[in-house]
Amino acid sequence: MLLMQLDRATASPHTSFTAHSATPALLPGRPRQSALTALERSVVALALFDHPTSIDPPSRTARFLFSLFGFRPVNQLADNRLEALRRFCIRLRAAGDAMPTAEIAKLRGAGYSRAALDEARRLIERSGRG
């Protein structure tokens, strides 16, 4: 609708008018619409620096060593949906394409689309840490 109004406003009386059927995300010169929100992209960035051991709760021995040497374990995210994304990104970095099917199912169950998973994968690959 907006594109039609812009075309009408800028068209001269002697030019023909055609409505654009493409979505704004697919028009040339416009950025592609992201499948992940800004917060979700921030979670992907945080996951780039988390160790794979941060996925599972620390064992008794690990808790003892943490307290002995003053280390603090990485906390899980409060939002279960974002935590599922963080876990996916960490496993993707560690295992590459050998992702457990259960992990992908958990992420899809949390409401992430295939496009969102692909975008997270691209962000990790582009970072050079994947």
N, C-alpha and C. Protein backbone atom coordinates (compact mmCIF):
# COMPACT_ATOMS: atom_id res chain seq x y z
N MET A 1 0.82 -1.18 0.00
CA MET A 1 0.00 0.00 0.00
C MET A 1 0.87 1.25 0.00
N LEU A 2 1.87 1.28 0.87
CA LEU A 2 2.76 2.42 0.95
C LEU A 2 3.53 2.60 -0.36
N LEU A 3 3.96 1.50 -0.95
CA LEU A 3 4.68 1.59 -2.21
C LEU A 3 3.79 2.16 -3.31
N MET A 4 2.53 1.79 -3.31
CA MET A 4 1.60 2.31 -4.30
C MET A 4 1.43 3.82 -4.12
N GLN A 5 1.33 4.27 -2.88
CA GLN A 5 1.19 5.70 -2.61
C GLN A 5 2.44 6.45 -3.03
N LEU A 6 3.61 5.88 -2.76
CA LEU A 6 4.85 6.53 -3.16
C LEU A 6 4.96 6.62 -4.68
N ASP A 7 4.59 5.56 -5.37
CA ASP A 7 4.65 5.57 -6.83
C ASP A 7 3.70 6.60 -7.40
N ARG A 8 2.52 6.72 -6.84
CA ARG A 8 1.54 7.70 -7.33
C ARG A 8 2.03 9.12 -7.08
N ALA A 9 2.68 9.33 -5.94
CA ALA A 9 3.14 10.67 -5.60
C ALA A 9 4.30 11.11 -6.49
N THR A 10 5.14 10.16 -6.91
CA THR A 10 6.31 10.51 -7.70
C THR A 10 6.10 10.34 -9.20
N ALA A 11 5.00 9.74 -9.61
CA ALA A 11 4.77 9.47 -11.03
C ALA A 11 4.32 10.75 -11.73
N SER A 12 4.82 10.93 -12.92
CA SER A 12 4.37 12.06 -13.73
C SER A 12 3.07 11.66 -14.42
N PRO A 13 2.32 12.61 -14.93
CA PRO A 13 1.05 12.26 -15.58
C PRO A 13 1.22 11.38 -16.82
N HIS A 14 2.42 11.33 -17.36
CA HIS A 14 2.64 10.59 -18.59
C HIS A 14 3.28 9.21 -18.37
N THR A 15 3.51 8.83 -17.12
CA THR A 15 4.10 7.52 -16.87
C THR A 15 3.03 6.56 -16.42
N SER A 16 3.26 5.29 -16.69
CA SER A 16 2.29 4.28 -16.28
C SER A 16 2.56 3.86 -14.84
N PHE A 17 1.52 3.41 -14.19
CA PHE A 17 1.63 3.01 -12.78
C PHE A 17 1.40 1.51 -12.69
N THR A 18 2.31 0.81 -12.00
CA THR A 18 2.12 -0.62 -11.72
C THR A 18 2.34 -0.82 -10.24
N ALA A 19 1.49 -1.61 -9.62
CA ALA A 19 1.62 -1.89 -8.19
C ALA A 19 2.72 -2.92 -7.98
N HIS A 20 3.46 -2.75 -6.91
CA HIS A 20 4.51 -3.70 -6.56
C HIS A 20 3.90 -4.83 -5.75
N SER A 21 4.16 -6.04 -6.15
CA SER A 21 3.64 -7.18 -5.41
C SER A 21 4.69 -7.78 -4.49
N ALA A 22 5.93 -7.34 -4.61
CA ALA A 22 6.99 -7.90 -3.76
C ALA A 22 6.90 -7.35 -2.35
N THR A 23 7.30 -8.13 -1.40
CA THR A 23 7.31 -7.66 -0.02
C THR A 23 8.51 -6.74 0.17
N PRO A 24 8.44 -5.81 1.14
CA PRO A 24 9.55 -4.88 1.33
C PRO A 24 10.88 -5.57 1.58
N ALA A 25 10.88 -6.75 2.20
CA ALA A 25 12.14 -7.43 2.50
C ALA A 25 12.81 -7.95 1.23
N LEU A 26 12.05 -8.13 0.15
CA LEU A 26 12.62 -8.70 -1.06
C LEU A 26 12.95 -7.67 -2.13
N LEU A 27 12.65 -6.41 -1.88
CA LEU A 27 12.95 -5.37 -2.85
C LEU A 27 14.45 -5.11 -2.88
N PRO A 28 14.99 -4.80 -4.05
CA PRO A 28 16.42 -4.53 -4.14
C PRO A 28 16.79 -3.29 -3.31
N GLY A 29 17.96 -3.37 -2.70
CA GLY A 29 18.45 -2.24 -1.93
C GLY A 29 17.94 -2.18 -0.50
N ARG A 30 17.07 -3.09 -0.14
CA ARG A 30 16.55 -3.12 1.23
C ARG A 30 17.15 -4.31 1.97
N PRO A 31 17.42 -4.15 3.26
CA PRO A 31 18.00 -5.26 4.02
C PRO A 31 17.01 -6.41 4.15
N ARG A 32 17.56 -7.62 4.19
CA ARG A 32 16.73 -8.81 4.36
C ARG A 32 16.15 -8.85 5.76
N GLN A 33 14.90 -9.23 5.89
CA GLN A 33 14.26 -9.30 7.18
C GLN A 33 14.83 -10.48 7.95
N SER A 34 15.14 -10.27 9.21
CA SER A 34 15.77 -11.29 10.04
C SER A 34 14.73 -12.24 10.61
N ALA A 35 15.09 -13.51 10.72
CA ALA A 35 14.22 -14.49 11.34
C ALA A 35 14.39 -14.47 12.86
N LEU A 36 15.48 -13.89 13.34
CA LEU A 36 15.74 -13.77 14.78
C LEU A 36 15.57 -12.33 15.21
N THR A 37 15.07 -12.14 16.42
CA THR A 37 14.96 -10.79 16.97
C THR A 37 16.34 -10.32 17.42
N ALA A 38 16.44 -9.06 17.78
CA ALA A 38 17.72 -8.52 18.26
C ALA A 38 18.16 -9.24 19.54
N LEU A 39 17.22 -9.54 20.41
CA LEU A 39 17.55 -10.25 21.65
C LEU A 39 18.07 -11.65 21.34
N GLU A 40 17.44 -12.33 20.40
CA GLU A 40 17.88 -13.68 20.03
C GLU A 40 19.26 -13.65 19.38
N ARG A 41 19.54 -12.64 18.57
CA ARG A 41 20.88 -12.50 18.00
C ARG A 41 21.91 -12.23 19.10
N SER A 42 21.51 -11.52 20.15
CA SER A 42 22.41 -11.29 21.29
C SER A 42 22.71 -12.60 22.02
N VAL A 43 21.71 -13.47 22.12
CA VAL A 43 21.92 -14.78 22.75
C VAL A 43 22.89 -15.60 21.92
N VAL A 44 22.78 -15.54 20.61
CA VAL A 44 23.73 -16.25 19.74
C VAL A 44 25.13 -15.72 19.98
N ALA A 45 25.28 -14.40 20.10
CA ALA A 45 26.60 -13.80 20.35
C ALA A 45 27.14 -14.23 21.71
N LEU A 46 26.30 -14.29 22.72
CA LEU A 46 26.75 -14.75 24.04
C LEU A 46 27.21 -16.21 24.00
N ALA A 47 26.48 -17.01 23.24
CA ALA A 47 26.80 -18.44 23.16
C ALA A 47 28.13 -18.69 22.48
N LEU A 48 28.64 -17.73 21.73
CA LEU A 48 29.93 -17.90 21.07
C LEU A 48 31.07 -18.04 22.08
N PHE A 49 30.87 -17.53 23.29
CA PHE A 49 31.93 -17.54 24.27
C PHE A 49 31.67 -18.49 25.44
N ASP A 50 30.55 -19.21 25.41
CA ASP A 50 30.25 -20.18 26.46
C ASP A 50 30.88 -21.52 26.13
N HIS A 51 31.44 -22.16 27.14
CA HIS A 51 32.07 -23.47 26.96
C HIS A 51 30.99 -24.55 26.88
N PRO A 52 31.22 -25.61 26.12
CA PRO A 52 30.22 -26.68 26.03
C PRO A 52 29.82 -27.29 27.37
N THR A 53 30.69 -27.22 28.36
CA THR A 53 30.32 -27.76 29.67
C THR A 53 29.25 -26.91 30.36
N SER A 54 28.98 -25.71 29.85
CA SER A 54 27.96 -24.86 30.47
C SER A 54 26.54 -25.34 30.15
N ILE A 55 26.42 -26.30 29.26
CA ILE A 55 25.09 -26.80 28.89
C ILE A 55 24.51 -27.66 30.01
N ASP A 56 25.32 -28.55 30.54
CA ASP A 56 24.85 -29.46 31.58
C ASP A 56 25.13 -28.88 32.96
N PRO A 57 24.32 -29.23 33.96
CA PRO A 57 24.60 -28.75 35.31
C PRO A 57 25.94 -29.31 35.80
N PRO A 58 26.69 -28.53 36.59
CA PRO A 58 28.00 -29.02 37.04
C PRO A 58 27.87 -30.22 37.98
N SER A 59 28.83 -31.13 37.86
CA SER A 59 28.85 -32.31 38.73
C SER A 59 29.30 -31.89 40.13
N ARG A 60 29.26 -32.82 41.06
CA ARG A 60 29.70 -32.53 42.43
C ARG A 60 31.18 -32.14 42.44
N THR A 61 31.97 -32.87 41.65
CA THR A 61 33.40 -32.57 41.58
C THR A 61 33.63 -31.18 41.01
N ALA A 62 32.90 -30.85 39.96
CA ALA A 62 33.05 -29.54 39.35
C ALA A 62 32.64 -28.44 40.33
N ARG A 63 31.55 -28.66 41.07
CA ARG A 63 31.13 -27.65 42.05
C ARG A 63 32.19 -27.46 43.12
N PHE A 64 32.84 -28.56 43.53
CA PHE A 64 33.91 -28.47 44.53
C PHE A 64 35.08 -27.66 43.97
N LEU A 65 35.48 -27.98 42.73
CA LEU A 65 36.59 -27.25 42.10
C LEU A 65 36.24 -25.78 41.88
N PHE A 66 35.00 -25.50 41.52
CA PHE A 66 34.57 -24.11 41.37
C PHE A 66 34.75 -23.36 42.67
N SER A 67 34.30 -23.97 43.77
CA SER A 67 34.40 -23.29 45.06
C SER A 67 35.85 -23.20 45.53
N LEU A 68 36.64 -24.21 45.22
CA LEU A 68 38.04 -24.22 45.64
C LEU A 68 38.86 -23.13 44.94
N PHE A 69 38.65 -22.98 43.65
CA PHE A 69 39.44 -22.04 42.87
C PHE A 69 38.71 -20.72 42.59
N GLY A 70 37.51 -20.56 43.07
CA GLY A 70 36.79 -19.31 42.90
C GLY A 70 36.15 -19.11 41.55
N PHE A 71 36.00 -20.19 40.77
CA PHE A 71 35.32 -20.07 39.48
C PHE A 71 33.81 -20.04 39.71
N ARG A 72 33.14 -19.43 38.79
CA ARG A 72 31.68 -19.43 38.84
C ARG A 72 31.17 -20.12 37.59
N PRO A 73 30.25 -21.08 37.75
CA PRO A 73 29.70 -21.73 36.55
C PRO A 73 28.84 -20.74 35.77
N VAL A 74 28.70 -20.99 34.48
CA VAL A 74 27.86 -20.15 33.63
C VAL A 74 26.41 -20.43 33.99
N ASN A 75 25.67 -19.37 34.26
CA ASN A 75 24.26 -19.52 34.58
C ASN A 75 23.43 -19.73 33.32
N GLN A 76 22.37 -20.49 33.47
CA GLN A 76 21.44 -20.65 32.37
C GLN A 76 20.60 -19.40 32.26
N LEU A 77 20.04 -19.16 31.09
CA LEU A 77 19.17 -18.01 30.89
C LEU A 77 17.81 -18.28 31.54
N ALA A 78 17.19 -17.24 32.04
CA ALA A 78 15.91 -17.38 32.73
C ALA A 78 14.78 -17.76 31.78
N ASP A 79 14.85 -17.31 30.56
CA ASP A 79 13.82 -17.62 29.57
C ASP A 79 14.15 -18.96 28.92
N ASN A 80 13.26 -19.94 29.06
CA ASN A 80 13.51 -21.28 28.53
C ASN A 80 13.69 -21.28 27.02
N ARG A 81 12.97 -20.41 26.33
CA ARG A 81 13.08 -20.34 24.86
C ARG A 81 14.47 -19.84 24.46
N LEU A 82 14.97 -18.82 25.13
CA LEU A 82 16.29 -18.29 24.83
C LEU A 82 17.38 -19.27 25.27
N GLU A 83 17.15 -19.99 26.37
CA GLU A 83 18.11 -21.00 26.82
C GLU A 83 18.22 -22.13 25.80
N ALA A 84 17.10 -22.50 25.19
CA ALA A 84 17.14 -23.54 24.14
C ALA A 84 17.98 -23.06 22.95
N LEU A 85 17.86 -21.79 22.60
CA LEU A 85 18.66 -21.23 21.51
C LEU A 85 20.14 -21.20 21.90
N ARG A 86 20.45 -20.82 23.13
CA ARG A 86 21.84 -20.79 23.59
C ARG A 86 22.46 -22.18 23.53
N ARG A 87 21.72 -23.18 24.02
CA ARG A 87 22.21 -24.57 24.00
C ARG A 87 22.45 -25.05 22.56
N PHE A 88 21.52 -24.71 21.66
CA PHE A 88 21.66 -25.08 20.26
C PHE A 88 22.93 -24.49 19.68
N CYS A 89 23.17 -23.21 19.95
CA CYS A 89 24.35 -22.54 19.38
C CYS A 89 25.65 -23.12 19.93
N ILE A 90 25.67 -23.44 21.21
CA ILE A 90 26.87 -24.03 21.81
C ILE A 90 27.12 -25.41 21.22
N ARG A 91 26.08 -26.22 21.11
CA ARG A 91 26.23 -27.56 20.52
C ARG A 91 26.62 -27.47 19.05
N LEU A 92 26.08 -26.50 18.35
CA LEU A 92 26.41 -26.32 16.94
C LEU A 92 27.89 -25.97 16.79
N ARG A 93 28.39 -25.11 17.66
CA ARG A 93 29.81 -24.76 17.62
C ARG A 93 30.68 -25.96 17.92
N ALA A 94 30.28 -26.75 18.91
CA ALA A 94 31.10 -27.89 19.35
C ALA A 94 31.01 -29.08 18.41
N ALA A 95 29.81 -29.38 17.92
CA ALA A 95 29.61 -30.61 17.15
C ALA A 95 29.46 -30.35 15.66
N GLY A 96 29.31 -29.12 15.25
CA GLY A 96 29.10 -28.84 13.83
C GLY A 96 27.76 -29.37 13.38
N ASP A 97 27.75 -30.06 12.25
CA ASP A 97 26.49 -30.56 11.70
C ASP A 97 26.02 -31.85 12.38
N ALA A 98 26.80 -32.38 13.31
CA ALA A 98 26.40 -33.60 14.03
C ALA A 98 25.52 -33.23 15.21
N MET A 99 24.47 -32.47 14.95
CA MET A 99 23.56 -31.99 15.99
C MET A 99 22.59 -33.11 16.38
N PRO A 100 22.43 -33.37 17.67
CA PRO A 100 21.45 -34.38 18.08
C PRO A 100 20.03 -33.99 17.64
N THR A 101 19.28 -34.95 17.16
CA THR A 101 17.92 -34.70 16.70
C THR A 101 17.05 -34.18 17.83
N ALA A 102 17.29 -34.67 19.05
CA ALA A 102 16.50 -34.22 20.19
C ALA A 102 16.69 -32.73 20.45
N GLU A 103 17.89 -32.24 20.24
CA GLU A 103 18.17 -30.81 20.46
C GLU A 103 17.43 -29.94 19.43
N ILE A 104 17.40 -30.39 18.19
CA ILE A 104 16.67 -29.66 17.15
C ILE A 104 15.17 -29.71 17.44
N ALA A 105 14.68 -30.86 17.87
CA ALA A 105 13.26 -30.99 18.20
C ALA A 105 12.91 -30.09 19.38
N LYS A 106 13.80 -29.98 20.35
CA LYS A 106 13.55 -29.12 21.51
C LYS A 106 13.47 -27.65 21.07
N LEU A 107 14.34 -27.27 20.16
CA LEU A 107 14.35 -25.89 19.67
C LEU A 107 13.11 -25.61 18.83
N ARG A 108 12.72 -26.55 17.98
CA ARG A 108 11.51 -26.37 17.18
C ARG A 108 10.29 -26.33 18.09
N GLY A 109 10.31 -27.12 19.16
CA GLY A 109 9.22 -27.10 20.13
C GLY A 109 9.13 -25.78 20.88
N ALA A 110 10.26 -25.08 20.98
CA ALA A 110 10.28 -23.78 21.65
C ALA A 110 9.75 -22.68 20.74
N GLY A 111 9.47 -23.02 19.47
CA GLY A 111 8.85 -22.06 18.57
C GLY A 111 9.77 -21.45 17.54
N TYR A 112 10.98 -21.96 17.39
CA TYR A 112 11.90 -21.42 16.39
C TYR A 112 11.65 -22.06 15.04
N SER A 113 11.63 -21.25 14.01
CA SER A 113 11.40 -21.74 12.65
C SER A 113 12.71 -22.25 12.06
N ARG A 114 12.59 -22.92 10.94
CA ARG A 114 13.77 -23.41 10.22
C ARG A 114 14.64 -22.23 9.78
N ALA A 115 14.01 -21.13 9.40
CA ALA A 115 14.76 -19.94 8.98
C ALA A 115 15.56 -19.37 10.15
N ALA A 116 14.99 -19.42 11.36
CA ALA A 116 15.71 -18.92 12.54
C ALA A 116 16.92 -19.79 12.84
N LEU A 117 16.77 -21.11 12.71
CA LEU A 117 17.90 -22.02 12.93
C LEU A 117 19.00 -21.79 11.90
N ASP A 118 18.59 -21.58 10.66
CA ASP A 118 19.57 -21.32 9.59
C ASP A 118 20.30 -20.00 9.83
N GLU A 119 19.56 -18.99 10.30
CA GLU A 119 20.21 -17.71 10.58
C GLU A 119 21.20 -17.82 11.74
N ALA A 120 20.83 -18.56 12.78
CA ALA A 120 21.76 -18.77 13.90
C ALA A 120 23.01 -19.49 13.41
N ARG A 121 22.84 -20.46 12.55
CA ARG A 121 23.98 -21.20 11.99
C ARG A 121 24.88 -20.26 11.18
N ARG A 122 24.27 -19.40 10.36
CA ARG A 122 25.07 -18.45 9.57
C ARG A 122 25.83 -17.47 10.47
N LEU A 123 25.18 -17.01 11.54
CA LEU A 123 25.86 -16.07 12.46
C LEU A 123 27.07 -16.73 13.11
N ILE A 124 26.94 -17.99 13.48
CA ILE A 124 28.04 -18.71 14.12
C ILE A 124 29.16 -18.95 13.10
N GLU A 125 28.80 -19.35 11.89
CA GLU A 125 29.82 -19.57 10.86
C GLU A 125 30.56 -18.28 10.51
N ARG A 126 29.83 -17.18 10.44
CA ARG A 126 30.45 -15.89 10.12
C ARG A 126 31.38 -15.41 11.22
N SER A 127 31.12 -15.83 12.46
CA SER A 127 31.94 -15.36 13.57
C SER A 127 33.34 -15.98 13.54
N GLY A 128 33.48 -17.12 12.85
CA GLY A 128 34.77 -17.80 12.82
C GLY A 128 35.00 -18.68 14.04
N ARG A 129 34.04 -18.77 14.93
CA ARG A 129 34.18 -19.58 16.14
C ARG A 129 33.45 -20.92 15.99
N GLY A 130 32.83 -21.14 14.85
CA GLY A 130 32.06 -22.36 14.65
C GLY A 130 32.84 -23.47 14.06
